[in-house]
Amino acid sequence: MTLRGELPSGGRGSGALAVGAATGLRDVLKDASVLKAIRGADRLQPGDRPKRGVTLKAAEATRLLRSIIHFVADVPADSSPIVVWEHEGSELWVDISTTALTCIPGVIRVAVKVGCDQLPAPAVITVPFGVGTPEAPTGLVMSSLSRLDGPDVVTGRWTAALTAYAWEAILELARRMCAELGKDAAGLPLIPGSIAAGSQLLVVQPMARNDLSGLRR
């Protein structure tokens, strides 16, 4: 399964971010300087990439991810972290508060605890994504498994949903991180140009968004 990230230009939450400034992630970090605004970002033209990206320890990336996970799961911020997915008469509960991100060179892994009536105990399902390394980025292209490892009762029915959830979590985190770094010459927040993984490191390269206005003609 190969996924290519597409950043929304409209829809849930994206409009506020497009015209707003910071996303509030700095307040969550122990070292807010990691997301320090990029000098000269306002001179970046469509498609330009600043020299500096963001390198974040996986543990800190998990801290940031959990601060926005209700948005990713599309539930109110003050609601229970236990959400229930339904599909063709089956149900799976997902504890979104347990969502965690780890990295090895070239691979980002997103883990989350799930459960259902057919399981004797909750299980942690890990979704791996093959991405580029800092030395050889692959843009926003990610590859994953056609069937995740875990109990058959979960992976046989819920692999696609869990993969989509984990994929959106990574993209939304990267999007918000880049928005913290500044706005381009058009006054729009920077967006991810590539996502890569090192040894317990998440690496995001920001860019000025491309001008897609010509596609509407």
Protein backbone atom coordinates (compact mmCIF):
# COMPACT_ATOMS: atom_id res chain seq x y z
CA MET A 1 0.00 0.00 0.00
CA THR A 2 1.50 3.31 -1.06
CA LEU A 3 0.14 6.63 0.16
CA ARG A 4 0.91 10.07 -1.15
CA GLY A 5 0.19 12.94 1.19
CA GLU A 6 -2.16 15.62 -0.02
CA LEU A 7 -2.61 18.66 2.17
CA PRO A 8 -6.21 19.85 2.32
CA SER A 9 -7.06 23.26 0.97
CA GLY A 10 -10.47 23.19 2.58
CA GLY A 11 -12.63 21.06 4.82
CA ARG A 12 -12.26 20.19 8.47
CA GLY A 13 -10.10 22.70 10.29
CA SER A 14 -7.89 23.58 7.34
CA GLY A 15 -9.39 26.99 6.63
CA ALA A 16 -8.57 28.35 10.07
CA LEU A 17 -5.01 27.17 9.77
CA ALA A 18 -4.57 28.61 6.29
CA VAL A 19 -5.25 32.15 7.42
CA GLY A 20 -4.12 31.87 11.02
CA ALA A 21 -0.64 32.09 12.43
CA ALA A 22 0.85 29.60 14.88
CA THR A 23 -0.89 26.35 15.74
CA GLY A 24 -0.03 26.34 19.45
CA LEU A 25 2.37 23.39 19.30
CA ARG A 26 5.20 25.37 20.87
CA ASP A 27 3.30 25.45 24.15
CA VAL A 28 3.43 21.65 24.27
CA LEU A 29 7.17 21.24 23.65
CA LYS A 30 9.79 21.18 26.38
CA ASP A 31 12.07 23.12 24.02
CA ALA A 32 9.93 25.50 21.97
CA SER A 33 12.97 26.67 19.98
CA VAL A 34 12.64 23.52 17.86
CA LEU A 35 9.73 25.24 16.12
CA LYS A 36 11.32 28.67 15.98
CA ALA A 37 10.08 30.76 13.07
CA ILE A 38 12.28 30.64 9.98
CA ARG A 39 13.96 33.94 9.16
CA GLY A 40 13.02 35.08 5.68
CA ALA A 41 10.10 32.68 5.29
CA ASP A 42 8.01 35.56 3.99
CA ARG A 43 10.27 35.77 0.93
CA LEU A 44 9.67 32.18 -0.15
CA GLN A 45 7.95 31.86 -3.52
CA PRO A 46 5.67 28.94 -4.53
CA GLY A 47 7.58 25.66 -4.28
CA ASP A 48 10.59 27.19 -2.52
CA ARG A 49 12.10 25.32 0.41
CA PRO A 50 14.04 27.02 3.20
CA LYS A 51 17.43 25.60 4.08
CA ARG A 52 16.32 24.69 7.58
CA GLY A 53 13.83 21.96 8.34
CA VAL A 54 12.60 20.54 11.64
CA THR A 55 14.20 17.59 13.41
CA LEU A 56 12.25 16.36 16.39
CA LYS A 57 12.84 13.47 18.76
CA ALA A 58 10.18 10.79 18.41
CA ALA A 59 9.15 11.19 22.06
CA GLU A 60 8.53 14.90 21.53
CA ALA A 61 6.69 14.16 18.30
CA THR A 62 4.41 11.85 20.29
CA ARG A 63 3.81 14.63 22.80
CA LEU A 64 2.77 16.97 20.00
CA LEU A 65 0.67 14.33 18.28
CA ARG A 66 -1.33 13.58 21.39
CA SER A 67 -2.12 17.26 21.79
CA ILE A 68 -3.94 17.26 18.43
CA ILE A 69 -5.18 13.67 18.29
CA HIS A 70 -8.82 14.55 18.95
CA PHE A 71 -8.72 16.68 15.78
CA VAL A 72 -7.23 13.77 13.82
CA ALA A 73 -9.94 11.43 15.11
CA ASP A 74 -12.58 14.06 14.32
CA VAL A 75 -14.04 14.16 17.85
CA PRO A 76 -14.47 17.14 20.22
CA ALA A 77 -11.35 18.12 22.17
CA ASP A 78 -13.06 17.60 25.53
CA SER A 79 -14.58 14.21 24.65
CA SER A 80 -13.48 10.76 25.79
CA PRO A 81 -10.29 9.46 24.17
CA ILE A 82 -12.04 6.14 23.57
CA VAL A 83 -13.70 6.18 20.18
CA VAL A 84 -15.69 3.35 18.63
CA TRP A 85 -15.45 2.53 14.95
CA GLU A 86 -18.26 0.62 13.26
CA HIS A 87 -18.11 -1.32 10.02
CA GLU A 88 -20.63 -3.83 8.65
CA GLY A 89 -21.90 -4.77 12.09
CA SER A 90 -18.45 -4.97 13.71
CA GLU A 91 -17.08 -2.56 16.28
CA LEU A 92 -13.55 -1.66 17.35
CA TRP A 93 -12.72 0.71 20.15
CA VAL A 94 -9.60 2.81 19.78
CA ASP A 95 -7.90 4.65 22.64
CA ILE A 96 -6.58 7.66 20.73
CA SER A 97 -4.76 8.91 23.85
CA THR A 98 -2.30 6.01 23.48
CA THR A 99 -1.25 7.00 19.97
CA ALA A 100 2.56 7.00 19.89
CA LEU A 101 5.17 7.63 17.23
CA THR A 102 8.58 5.95 16.97
CA CYS A 103 11.19 6.11 14.21
CA ILE A 104 13.99 4.07 12.76
CA PRO A 105 15.95 5.18 9.68
CA GLY A 106 13.48 5.34 6.82
CA VAL A 107 10.46 4.12 8.81
CA ILE A 108 7.88 5.92 10.94
CA ARG A 109 5.78 3.68 13.21
CA VAL A 110 2.46 4.79 14.70
CA ALA A 111 1.06 2.60 17.48
CA VAL A 112 -2.35 2.71 19.14
CA LYS A 113 -4.25 0.52 21.63
CA VAL A 114 -7.47 -1.10 20.40
CA GLY A 115 -9.97 -3.65 21.62
CA CYS A 116 -13.20 -5.49 20.82
CA ASP A 117 -15.44 -8.17 22.32
CA GLN A 118 -13.54 -10.94 20.52
CA LEU A 119 -10.21 -10.01 22.14
CA PRO A 120 -9.40 -11.29 25.64
CA ALA A 121 -7.35 -8.15 26.28
CA PRO A 122 -6.59 -4.89 24.45
CA ALA A 123 -3.94 -5.03 21.74
CA VAL A 124 -1.46 -2.47 20.52
CA ILE A 125 -1.42 -2.27 16.73
CA THR A 126 1.56 -0.66 15.02
CA VAL A 127 1.31 0.88 11.57
CA PRO A 128 4.70 1.20 9.84
CA PHE A 129 5.29 3.67 7.02
CA GLY A 130 8.29 3.47 4.76
CA VAL A 131 9.47 7.04 4.22
CA GLY A 132 12.70 8.64 3.17
CA THR A 133 15.72 9.24 5.33
CA PRO A 134 17.09 12.72 6.02
CA GLU A 135 19.82 12.00 3.46
CA ALA A 136 17.39 10.64 0.85
CA PRO A 137 13.92 12.18 1.30
CA THR A 138 11.00 10.87 -0.76
CA GLY A 139 8.63 13.79 -0.43
CA LEU A 140 5.27 12.82 1.03
CA VAL A 141 5.14 9.33 -0.44
CA MET A 142 4.73 6.62 2.21
CA SER A 143 4.39 2.85 1.83
CA SER A 144 2.75 0.55 4.36
CA LEU A 145 1.56 -3.05 4.70
CA SER A 146 -1.50 -4.49 3.00
CA ARG A 147 -2.23 -6.25 6.30
CA LEU A 148 -0.88 -5.13 9.66
CA ASP A 149 0.60 -7.44 12.28
CA GLY A 150 -1.75 -8.26 15.15
CA PRO A 151 -4.77 -10.36 16.06
CA ASP A 152 -6.62 -11.58 12.97
CA VAL A 153 -9.93 -10.32 14.31
CA VAL A 154 -8.49 -6.80 14.21
CA THR A 155 -6.15 -6.78 11.23
CA GLY A 156 -8.47 -8.79 9.00
CA ARG A 157 -11.12 -6.08 9.08
CA TRP A 158 -9.49 -2.90 10.36
CA THR A 159 -6.10 -2.66 8.60
CA ALA A 160 -7.27 -0.01 6.12
CA ALA A 161 -8.95 2.13 8.80
CA LEU A 162 -5.99 1.95 11.18
CA THR A 163 -3.57 2.76 8.36
CA ALA A 164 -5.66 5.76 7.29
CA TYR A 165 -5.86 7.01 10.89
CA ALA A 166 -2.09 6.73 11.38
CA TRP A 167 -1.37 8.32 8.01
CA GLU A 168 -3.59 11.31 8.74
CA ALA A 169 -1.98 11.65 12.17
CA ILE A 170 1.48 11.97 10.63
CA LEU A 171 0.34 14.42 7.96
CA GLU A 172 -1.60 16.61 10.37
CA LEU A 173 1.33 16.72 12.79
CA ALA A 174 3.74 17.67 10.00
CA ARG A 175 1.32 20.29 8.67
CA ARG A 176 0.99 21.98 12.03
CA MET A 177 4.72 21.85 12.68
CA CYS A 178 5.41 23.64 9.39
CA ALA A 179 2.71 26.23 10.07
CA GLU A 180 4.63 27.18 13.22
CA LEU A 181 7.70 28.04 11.14
CA GLY A 182 6.21 31.01 9.32
CA LYS A 183 4.29 32.18 6.27
CA ASP A 184 5.42 32.38 2.67
CA ALA A 185 5.41 35.38 0.36
CA ALA A 186 1.69 34.90 -0.27
CA GLY A 187 1.01 35.10 3.46
CA LEU A 188 0.13 31.42 3.75
CA PRO A 189 1.59 29.04 6.37
CA LEU A 190 4.42 26.80 5.22
CA ILE A 191 3.48 23.19 4.49
CA PRO A 192 5.46 19.92 4.50
CA GLY A 193 7.50 19.22 1.39
CA SER A 194 8.89 15.95 2.71
CA ILE A 195 8.71 13.74 5.79
CA ALA A 196 11.61 11.50 6.73
CA ALA A 197 12.80 9.38 9.64
CA GLY A 198 16.13 8.88 11.36
CA SER A 199 17.00 6.94 14.49
CA GLN A 200 14.15 8.03 16.81
CA LEU A 201 14.00 11.28 14.88
CA LEU A 202 11.17 12.75 12.82
CA VAL A 203 12.44 15.09 10.10
CA VAL A 204 10.09 17.46 8.29
CA GLN A 205 11.15 19.76 5.45
CA PRO A 206 8.82 22.77 5.05
CA MET A 207 8.09 24.53 1.80
CA ALA A 208 5.98 27.34 0.36
CA ARG A 209 2.85 25.87 -1.15
CA ASN A 210 2.67 25.63 -4.92
CA ASP A 211 0.32 27.88 -6.86
CA LEU A 212 -2.44 25.53 -8.06
CA SER A 213 -4.80 28.25 -9.23
CA GLY A 214 -4.20 27.31 -12.85
CA LEU A 215 -5.72 23.87 -12.28
CA ARG A 216 -9.15 25.42 -11.85
CA ARG A 217 -9.27 26.75 -15.37
